[in-house]
Amino acid sequence: MTASGPNPLNPHPLPGHPRVGFLKAFVNQPNIEVGDFSYYDDPRGPEAFVERCVLHHYDFIGDKLVIGKFCAIAAGATFIMNGANHAMTGFSTYPFNIFGHGWEEGFDFAAVETGFKGDTIVGNDVWIGHEATILPGVIIGDGAIIATKSVVVADVPPYAIVGGNPAKIIRMRFPDEVITELLSIRWWDWGVDKITHNLDAIRGADLEALRRAA
């Protein structure tokens, strides 16, 4: 078999395992961007990733969910978007206006907008564990790992392992100087042939080989 790498648009890249799918084959919403080879693994199938996992994401708000390349997303991971926000400028957070019948009168949408956090961005080569929850506006750095059932309320540095509710840094995967170099090399931006040729270095943490290949 020729070592050419899989097709990033293959909806089911693992024969006999329909629970795993490359998200680029399923996600076509203009407010969601997904990089090559990022996949979702769910026993119910990956086809409904957007409906099950990306919540309160409304076009009129304008926020985006950006997922980088080579991300692994486990079943039940949830991205809460800015549309879940309630106004917090008054005495009550109850959304009276959405029920109409006069309750919408005098409502100022700016009261909700003050709580918007911007786009949610997942870097490259990120592993998001089972039933983790990502809140609006969070930026997850390249190479990070999000532990199972974590609730991520703040930005995650590149190559950090975080866990808990709220998620805290458990440890960094590599020393600072190695992280800096990996972020400079950015192997995930290489062409598929180059990645394929250098898989031993990527999988084996051979930084010297990656330096030579960069």
C-alpha atoms as a PDB file:
ATOM      1  CA  MET A   1       0.000   0.000   0.000  1.00  0.00           C
ATOM      2  CA  THR A   2       1.310   3.437  -0.920  1.00  0.00           C
ATOM      3  CA  ALA A   3       1.933   5.632   2.100  1.00  0.00           C
ATOM      4  CA  SER A   4      -0.030   8.652   0.957  1.00  0.00           C
ATOM      5  CA  GLY A   5      -2.174   9.352   4.000  1.00  0.00           C
ATOM      6  CA  PRO A   6      -5.979   9.198   4.175  1.00  0.00           C
ATOM      7  CA  ASN A   7      -8.390  11.469   2.339  1.00  0.00           C
ATOM      8  CA  PRO A   8      -9.404  14.294   4.744  1.00  0.00           C
ATOM      9  CA  LEU A   9     -12.840  14.400   3.087  1.00  0.00           C
ATOM     10  CA  ASN A  10     -13.557  10.720   3.741  1.00  0.00           C
ATOM     11  CA  PRO A  11     -16.599  10.722   6.062  1.00  0.00           C
ATOM     12  CA  HIS A  12     -15.644   7.350   7.551  1.00  0.00           C
ATOM     13  CA  PRO A  13     -11.868   6.856   7.338  1.00  0.00           C
ATOM     14  CA  LEU A  14     -11.796   3.711   9.523  1.00  0.00           C
ATOM     15  CA  PRO A  15     -13.378   0.749   7.712  1.00  0.00           C
ATOM     16  CA  GLY A  16     -15.773  -1.063  10.024  1.00  0.00           C
ATOM     17  CA  HIS A  17     -15.890   1.832  12.504  1.00  0.00           C
ATOM     18  CA  PRO A  18     -18.641   4.224  11.367  1.00  0.00           C
ATOM     19  CA  ARG A  19     -18.506   6.016  14.724  1.00  0.00           C
ATOM     20  CA  VAL A  20     -15.374   7.894  13.592  1.00  0.00           C
ATOM     21  CA  GLY A  21     -15.588  10.595  10.947  1.00  0.00           C
ATOM     22  CA  PHE A  22     -13.431  13.354   9.534  1.00  0.00           C
ATOM     23  CA  LEU A  23     -15.441  16.471  10.379  1.00  0.00           C
ATOM     24  CA  LYS A  24     -14.581  18.258   7.166  1.00  0.00           C
ATOM     25  CA  ALA A  25     -16.851  15.786   5.367  1.00  0.00           C
ATOM     26  CA  PHE A  26     -19.867  16.712   7.513  1.00  0.00           C
ATOM     27  CA  VAL A  27     -19.496  20.342   8.561  1.00  0.00           C
ATOM     28  CA  ASN A  28     -20.457  22.912   5.949  1.00  0.00           C
ATOM     29  CA  GLN A  29     -21.812  25.771   8.050  1.00  0.00           C
ATOM     30  CA  PRO A  30     -20.243  29.144   7.208  1.00  0.00           C
ATOM     31  CA  ASN A  31     -19.753  29.950  10.901  1.00  0.00           C
ATOM     32  CA  ILE A  32     -17.731  26.774  11.574  1.00  0.00           C
ATOM     33  CA  GLU A  33     -14.249  26.098  10.219  1.00  0.00           C
ATOM     34  CA  VAL A  34     -12.614  22.673  10.506  1.00  0.00           C
ATOM     35  CA  GLY A  35      -9.083  21.740   9.484  1.00  0.00           C
ATOM     36  CA  ASP A  36      -7.984  18.623   7.638  1.00  0.00           C
ATOM     37  CA  PHE A  37      -7.985  15.277   9.473  1.00  0.00           C
ATOM     38  CA  SER A  38      -9.775  16.508  12.598  1.00  0.00           C
ATOM     39  CA  TYR A  39     -12.244  13.828  13.638  1.00  0.00           C
ATOM     40  CA  TYR A  40     -15.169  13.203  15.947  1.00  0.00           C
ATOM     41  CA  ASP A  41     -15.704   9.793  17.583  1.00  0.00           C
ATOM     42  CA  ASP A  42     -19.256   9.004  18.723  1.00  0.00           C
ATOM     43  CA  PRO A  43     -21.014   5.615  18.920  1.00  0.00           C
ATOM     44  CA  ARG A  44     -24.113   7.330  17.496  1.00  0.00           C
ATOM     45  CA  GLY A  45     -22.080   8.415  14.503  1.00  0.00           C
ATOM     46  CA  PRO A  46     -20.272  11.668  13.677  1.00  0.00           C
ATOM     47  CA  GLU A  47     -22.839  12.977  11.195  1.00  0.00           C
ATOM     48  CA  ALA A  48     -24.755  15.038  13.767  1.00  0.00           C
ATOM     49  CA  PHE A  49     -21.680  16.657  15.310  1.00  0.00           C
ATOM     50  CA  VAL A  50     -23.010  20.178  14.791  1.00  0.00           C
ATOM     51  CA  GLU A  51     -26.482  19.436  16.193  1.00  0.00           C
ATOM     52  CA  ARG A  52     -25.204  17.521  19.222  1.00  0.00           C
ATOM     53  CA  CYS A  53     -21.985  19.291  20.052  1.00  0.00           C
ATOM     54  CA  VAL A  54     -22.207  22.919  18.908  1.00  0.00           C
ATOM     55  CA  LEU A  55     -24.918  24.548  20.983  1.00  0.00           C
ATOM     56  CA  HIS A  56     -26.585  27.980  20.812  1.00  0.00           C
ATOM     57  CA  HIS A  57     -24.733  28.901  17.625  1.00  0.00           C
ATOM     58  CA  TYR A  58     -26.838  31.441  15.740  1.00  0.00           C
ATOM     59  CA  ASP A  59     -25.882  33.146  12.476  1.00  0.00           C
ATOM     60  CA  PHE A  60     -27.162  36.549  13.563  1.00  0.00           C
ATOM     61  CA  ILE A  61     -24.693  36.692  16.441  1.00  0.00           C
ATOM     62  CA  GLY A  62     -21.712  36.276  14.135  1.00  0.00           C
ATOM     63  CA  ASP A  63     -19.379  34.221  16.314  1.00  0.00           C
ATOM     64  CA  LYS A  64     -17.364  31.396  14.806  1.00  0.00           C
ATOM     65  CA  LEU A  65     -16.148  28.007  15.945  1.00  0.00           C
ATOM     66  CA  VAL A  66     -12.702  27.339  14.475  1.00  0.00           C
ATOM     67  CA  ILE A  67     -11.159  23.874  14.839  1.00  0.00           C
ATOM     68  CA  GLY A  68      -7.621  23.321  13.561  1.00  0.00           C
ATOM     69  CA  LYS A  69      -6.025  20.360  11.856  1.00  0.00           C
ATOM     70  CA  PHE A  70      -5.393  16.905  13.349  1.00  0.00           C
ATOM     71  CA  CYS A  71      -7.739  17.371  16.318  1.00  0.00           C
ATOM     72  CA  ALA A  72      -9.292  14.383  18.089  1.00  0.00           C
ATOM     73  CA  ILE A  73     -12.694  15.059  19.645  1.00  0.00           C
ATOM     74  CA  ALA A  74     -14.307  12.418  21.849  1.00  0.00           C
ATOM     75  CA  ALA A  75     -18.009  11.626  22.194  1.00  0.00           C
ATOM     76  CA  GLY A  76     -20.107  14.156  24.046  1.00  0.00           C
ATOM     77  CA  ALA A  77     -17.693  17.054  23.773  1.00  0.00           C
ATOM     78  CA  THR A  78     -19.713  20.279  23.732  1.00  0.00           C
ATOM     79  CA  PHE A  79     -18.984  23.756  22.462  1.00  0.00           C
ATOM     80  CA  ILE A  80     -21.246  26.338  24.102  1.00  0.00           C
ATOM     81  CA  MET A  81     -21.446  29.377  21.832  1.00  0.00           C
ATOM     82  CA  ASN A  82     -22.340  32.995  22.568  1.00  0.00           C
ATOM     83  CA  GLY A  83     -26.019  32.466  21.787  1.00  0.00           C
ATOM     84  CA  ALA A  84     -26.364  30.848  25.215  1.00  0.00           C
ATOM     85  CA  ASN A  85     -25.680  34.181  26.890  1.00  0.00           C
ATOM     86  CA  HIS A  86     -28.349  35.943  28.972  1.00  0.00           C
ATOM     87  CA  ALA A  87     -28.350  39.636  29.774  1.00  0.00           C
ATOM     88  CA  MET A  88     -26.692  40.293  33.132  1.00  0.00           C
ATOM     89  CA  THR A  89     -27.111  44.072  33.288  1.00  0.00           C
ATOM     90  CA  GLY A  90     -30.415  44.024  35.186  1.00  0.00           C
ATOM     91  CA  PHE A  91     -31.750  42.438  38.366  1.00  0.00           C
ATOM     92  CA  SER A  92     -32.888  39.317  36.465  1.00  0.00           C
ATOM     93  CA  THR A  93     -31.195  37.145  33.850  1.00  0.00           C
ATOM     94  CA  TYR A  94     -34.552  35.744  32.674  1.00  0.00           C
ATOM     95  CA  PRO A  95     -35.024  36.226  28.883  1.00  0.00           C
ATOM     96  CA  PHE A  96     -38.468  37.840  29.069  1.00  0.00           C
ATOM     97  CA  ASN A  97     -38.208  39.223  25.538  1.00  0.00           C
ATOM     98  CA  ILE A  98     -38.081  35.872  23.729  1.00  0.00           C
ATOM     99  CA  PHE A  99     -41.588  34.968  24.930  1.00  0.00           C
ATOM    100  CA  GLY A 100     -43.211  38.040  23.361  1.00  0.00           C
ATOM    101  CA  HIS A 101     -46.765  39.129  24.192  1.00  0.00           C
ATOM    102  CA  GLY A 102     -45.460  42.539  25.151  1.00  0.00           C
ATOM    103  CA  TRP A 103     -42.438  41.297  27.063  1.00  0.00           C
ATOM    104  CA  GLU A 104     -40.236  42.093  24.089  1.00  0.00           C
ATOM    105  CA  GLU A 105     -41.044  45.799  24.331  1.00  0.00           C
ATOM    106  CA  GLY A 106     -38.180  47.921  25.565  1.00  0.00           C
ATOM    107  CA  PHE A 107     -35.645  45.089  25.268  1.00  0.00           C
ATOM    108  CA  ASP A 108     -32.194  46.270  24.214  1.00  0.00           C
ATOM    109  CA  PHE A 109     -30.131  43.532  22.534  1.00  0.00           C
ATOM    110  CA  ALA A 110     -26.981  45.387  23.576  1.00  0.00           C
ATOM    111  CA  ALA A 111     -27.636  44.126  27.110  1.00  0.00           C
ATOM    112  CA  VAL A 112     -26.957  40.594  25.853  1.00  0.00           C
ATOM    113  CA  GLU A 113     -24.071  41.601  23.595  1.00  0.00           C
ATOM    114  CA  THR A 114     -22.095  42.915  26.556  1.00  0.00           C
ATOM    115  CA  GLY A 115     -21.561  39.296  27.608  1.00  0.00           C
ATOM    116  CA  PHE A 116     -20.375  37.970  24.245  1.00  0.00           C
ATOM    117  CA  LYS A 117     -16.857  36.524  24.343  1.00  0.00           C
ATOM    118  CA  GLY A 118     -15.951  36.331  20.641  1.00  0.00           C
ATOM    119  CA  ASP A 119     -14.956  33.319  18.563  1.00  0.00           C
ATOM    120  CA  THR A 120     -14.120  29.920  20.031  1.00  0.00           C
ATOM    121  CA  ILE A 121     -10.829  28.682  18.608  1.00  0.00           C
ATOM    122  CA  VAL A 122      -9.313  25.211  18.910  1.00  0.00           C
ATOM    123  CA  GLY A 123      -5.725  24.970  17.726  1.00  0.00           C
ATOM    124  CA  ASN A 124      -4.056  22.162  15.828  1.00  0.00           C
ATOM    125  CA  ASP A 125      -3.297  18.690  17.205  1.00  0.00           C
ATOM    126  CA  VAL A 126      -5.674  19.194  20.156  1.00  0.00           C
ATOM    127  CA  TRP A 127      -7.233  16.233  21.979  1.00  0.00           C
ATOM    128  CA  ILE A 128     -10.605  16.960  23.590  1.00  0.00           C
ATOM    129  CA  GLY A 129     -11.762  14.245  25.969  1.00  0.00           C
ATOM    130  CA  HIS A 130     -15.145  12.611  26.559  1.00  0.00           C
ATOM    131  CA  GLU A 131     -17.925  15.033  27.544  1.00  0.00           C
ATOM    132  CA  ALA A 132     -15.612  18.019  27.906  1.00  0.00           C
ATOM    133  CA  THR A 133     -17.363  21.393  27.693  1.00  0.00           C
ATOM    134  CA  ILE A 134     -15.810  24.428  26.024  1.00  0.00           C
ATOM    135  CA  LEU A 135     -17.353  27.799  26.892  1.00  0.00           C
ATOM    136  CA  PRO A 136     -17.718  30.769  24.514  1.00  0.00           C
ATOM    137  CA  GLY A 137     -14.658  32.685  23.420  1.00  0.00           C
ATOM    138  CA  VAL A 138     -12.132  30.171  24.717  1.00  0.00           C
ATOM    139  CA  ILE A 139      -8.886  29.756  22.765  1.00  0.00           C
ATOM    140  CA  ILE A 140      -7.229  26.343  23.068  1.00  0.00           C
ATOM    141  CA  GLY A 141      -3.592  26.340  22.013  1.00  0.00           C
ATOM    142  CA  ASP A 142      -1.906  23.905  19.648  1.00  0.00           C
ATOM    143  CA  GLY A 143      -1.058  20.514  21.109  1.00  0.00           C
ATOM    144  CA  ALA A 144      -3.247  20.909  24.198  1.00  0.00           C
ATOM    145  CA  ILE A 145      -5.131  18.068  25.891  1.00  0.00           C
ATOM    146  CA  ILE A 146      -8.545  18.612  27.528  1.00  0.00           C
ATOM    147  CA  ALA A 147      -9.343  15.925  30.097  1.00  0.00           C
ATOM    148  CA  THR A 148     -12.638  14.042  30.237  1.00  0.00           C
ATOM    149  CA  LYS A 149     -15.606  16.036  31.613  1.00  0.00           C
ATOM    150  CA  SER A 150     -13.548  19.194  31.954  1.00  0.00           C
ATOM    151  CA  VAL A 151     -15.301  22.570  31.794  1.00  0.00           C
ATOM    152  CA  VAL A 152     -12.993  24.968  29.994  1.00  0.00           C
ATOM    153  CA  VAL A 153     -13.802  28.559  30.965  1.00  0.00           C
ATOM    154  CA  ALA A 154     -10.491  30.239  30.099  1.00  0.00           C
ATOM    155  CA  ASP A 155      -7.823  30.069  27.415  1.00  0.00           C
ATOM    156  CA  VAL A 156      -5.566  27.002  27.392  1.00  0.00           C
ATOM    157  CA  PRO A 157      -1.851  27.464  26.588  1.00  0.00           C
ATOM    158  CA  PRO A 158      -0.264  25.408  23.803  1.00  0.00           C
ATOM    159  CA  TYR A 159       0.747  21.910  24.887  1.00  0.00           C
ATOM    160  CA  ALA A 160      -0.969  22.197  28.269  1.00  0.00           C
ATOM    161  CA  ILE A 161      -2.956  19.360  29.833  1.00  0.00           C
ATOM    162  CA  VAL A 162      -6.002  20.750  31.637  1.00  0.00           C
ATOM    163  CA  GLY A 163      -8.756  19.132  33.655  1.00  0.00           C
ATOM    164  CA  GLY A 164     -11.503  19.792  36.167  1.00  0.00           C
ATOM    165  CA  ASN A 165     -14.374  22.243  36.612  1.00  0.00           C
ATOM    166  CA  PRO A 166     -13.269  24.885  36.005  1.00  0.00           C
ATOM    167  CA  ALA A 167     -10.385  23.379  34.053  1.00  0.00           C
ATOM    168  CA  LYS A 168      -6.939  24.091  35.454  1.00  0.00           C
ATOM    169  CA  ILE A 169      -3.489  23.280  34.113  1.00  0.00           C
ATOM    170  CA  ILE A 170      -2.392  19.870  35.350  1.00  0.00           C
ATOM    171  CA  ARG A 171       0.983  20.030  33.688  1.00  0.00           C
ATOM    172  CA  MET A 172       2.724  21.057  30.483  1.00  0.00           C
ATOM    173  CA  ARG A 173       3.468  18.306  28.021  1.00  0.00           C
ATOM    174  CA  PHE A 174       7.006  19.476  27.227  1.00  0.00           C
ATOM    175  CA  PRO A 175       9.578  21.993  28.508  1.00  0.00           C
ATOM    176  CA  ASP A 176       9.081  25.597  27.407  1.00  0.00           C
ATOM    177  CA  GLU A 177      11.955  25.548  24.924  1.00  0.00           C
ATOM    178  CA  VAL A 178      10.547  22.450  23.198  1.00  0.00           C
ATOM    179  CA  ILE A 179       7.067  23.988  23.004  1.00  0.00           C
ATOM    180  CA  THR A 180       8.507  27.149  21.468  1.00  0.00           C
ATOM    181  CA  GLU A 181      10.284  25.122  18.818  1.00  0.00           C
ATOM    182  CA  LEU A 182       7.251  22.967  18.034  1.00  0.00           C
ATOM    183  CA  LEU A 183       5.138  26.086  17.577  1.00  0.00           C
ATOM    184  CA  SER A 184       7.769  27.383  15.177  1.00  0.00           C
ATOM    185  CA  ILE A 185       8.020  24.129  13.205  1.00  0.00           C
ATOM    186  CA  ARG A 186       4.220  23.745  12.897  1.00  0.00           C
ATOM    187  CA  TRP A 187       4.388  20.254  11.403  1.00  0.00           C
ATOM    188  CA  TRP A 188       0.586  20.240  10.931  1.00  0.00           C
ATOM    189  CA  ASP A 189       0.990  22.819   8.172  1.00  0.00           C
ATOM    190  CA  TRP A 190       3.300  20.575   6.162  1.00  0.00           C
ATOM    191  CA  GLY A 191       2.019  18.826   3.070  1.00  0.00           C
ATOM    192  CA  VAL A 192       0.645  15.318   3.516  1.00  0.00           C
ATOM    193  CA  ASP A 193       3.654  13.731   1.815  1.00  0.00           C
ATOM    194  CA  LYS A 194       6.073  15.505   4.138  1.00  0.00           C
ATOM    195  CA  ILE A 195       4.047  14.557   7.205  1.00  0.00           C
ATOM    196  CA  THR A 196       3.911  10.947   6.020  1.00  0.00           C
ATOM    197  CA  HIS A 197       7.678  10.899   5.486  1.00  0.00           C
ATOM    198  CA  ASN A 198       8.293  12.282   8.983  1.00  0.00           C
ATOM    199  CA  LEU A 199       5.738  10.314  11.007  1.00  0.00           C
ATOM    200  CA  ASP A 200       8.432   8.514  13.004  1.00  0.00           C
ATOM    201  CA  ALA A 201       9.771  11.846  14.218  1.00  0.00           C
ATOM    202  CA  ILE A 202       6.305  13.222  15.022  1.00  0.00           C
ATOM    203  CA  ARG A 203       5.155  10.102  16.834  1.00  0.00           C
ATOM    204  CA  GLY A 204       8.505   9.474  18.469  1.00  0.00           C
ATOM    205  CA  ALA A 205       9.096  13.031  19.749  1.00  0.00           C
ATOM    206  CA  ASP A 206      12.324  13.237  17.728  1.00  0.00           C
ATOM    207  CA  LEU A 207      12.828  16.989  17.790  1.00  0.00           C
ATOM    208  CA  GLU A 208      16.150  16.836  15.995  1.00  0.00           C
ATOM    209  CA  ALA A 209      14.586  14.999  13.064  1.00  0.00           C
ATOM    210  CA  LEU A 210      11.789  17.577  12.926  1.00  0.00           C
ATOM    211  CA  ARG A 211      14.376  20.351  12.881  1.00  0.00           C
ATOM    212  CA  ARG A 212      16.089  18.767   9.899  1.00  0.00           C
ATOM    213  CA  ALA A 213      12.772  18.308   8.086  1.00  0.00           C
ATOM    214  CA  ALA A 214      11.469  21.817   8.742  1.00  0.00           C
END
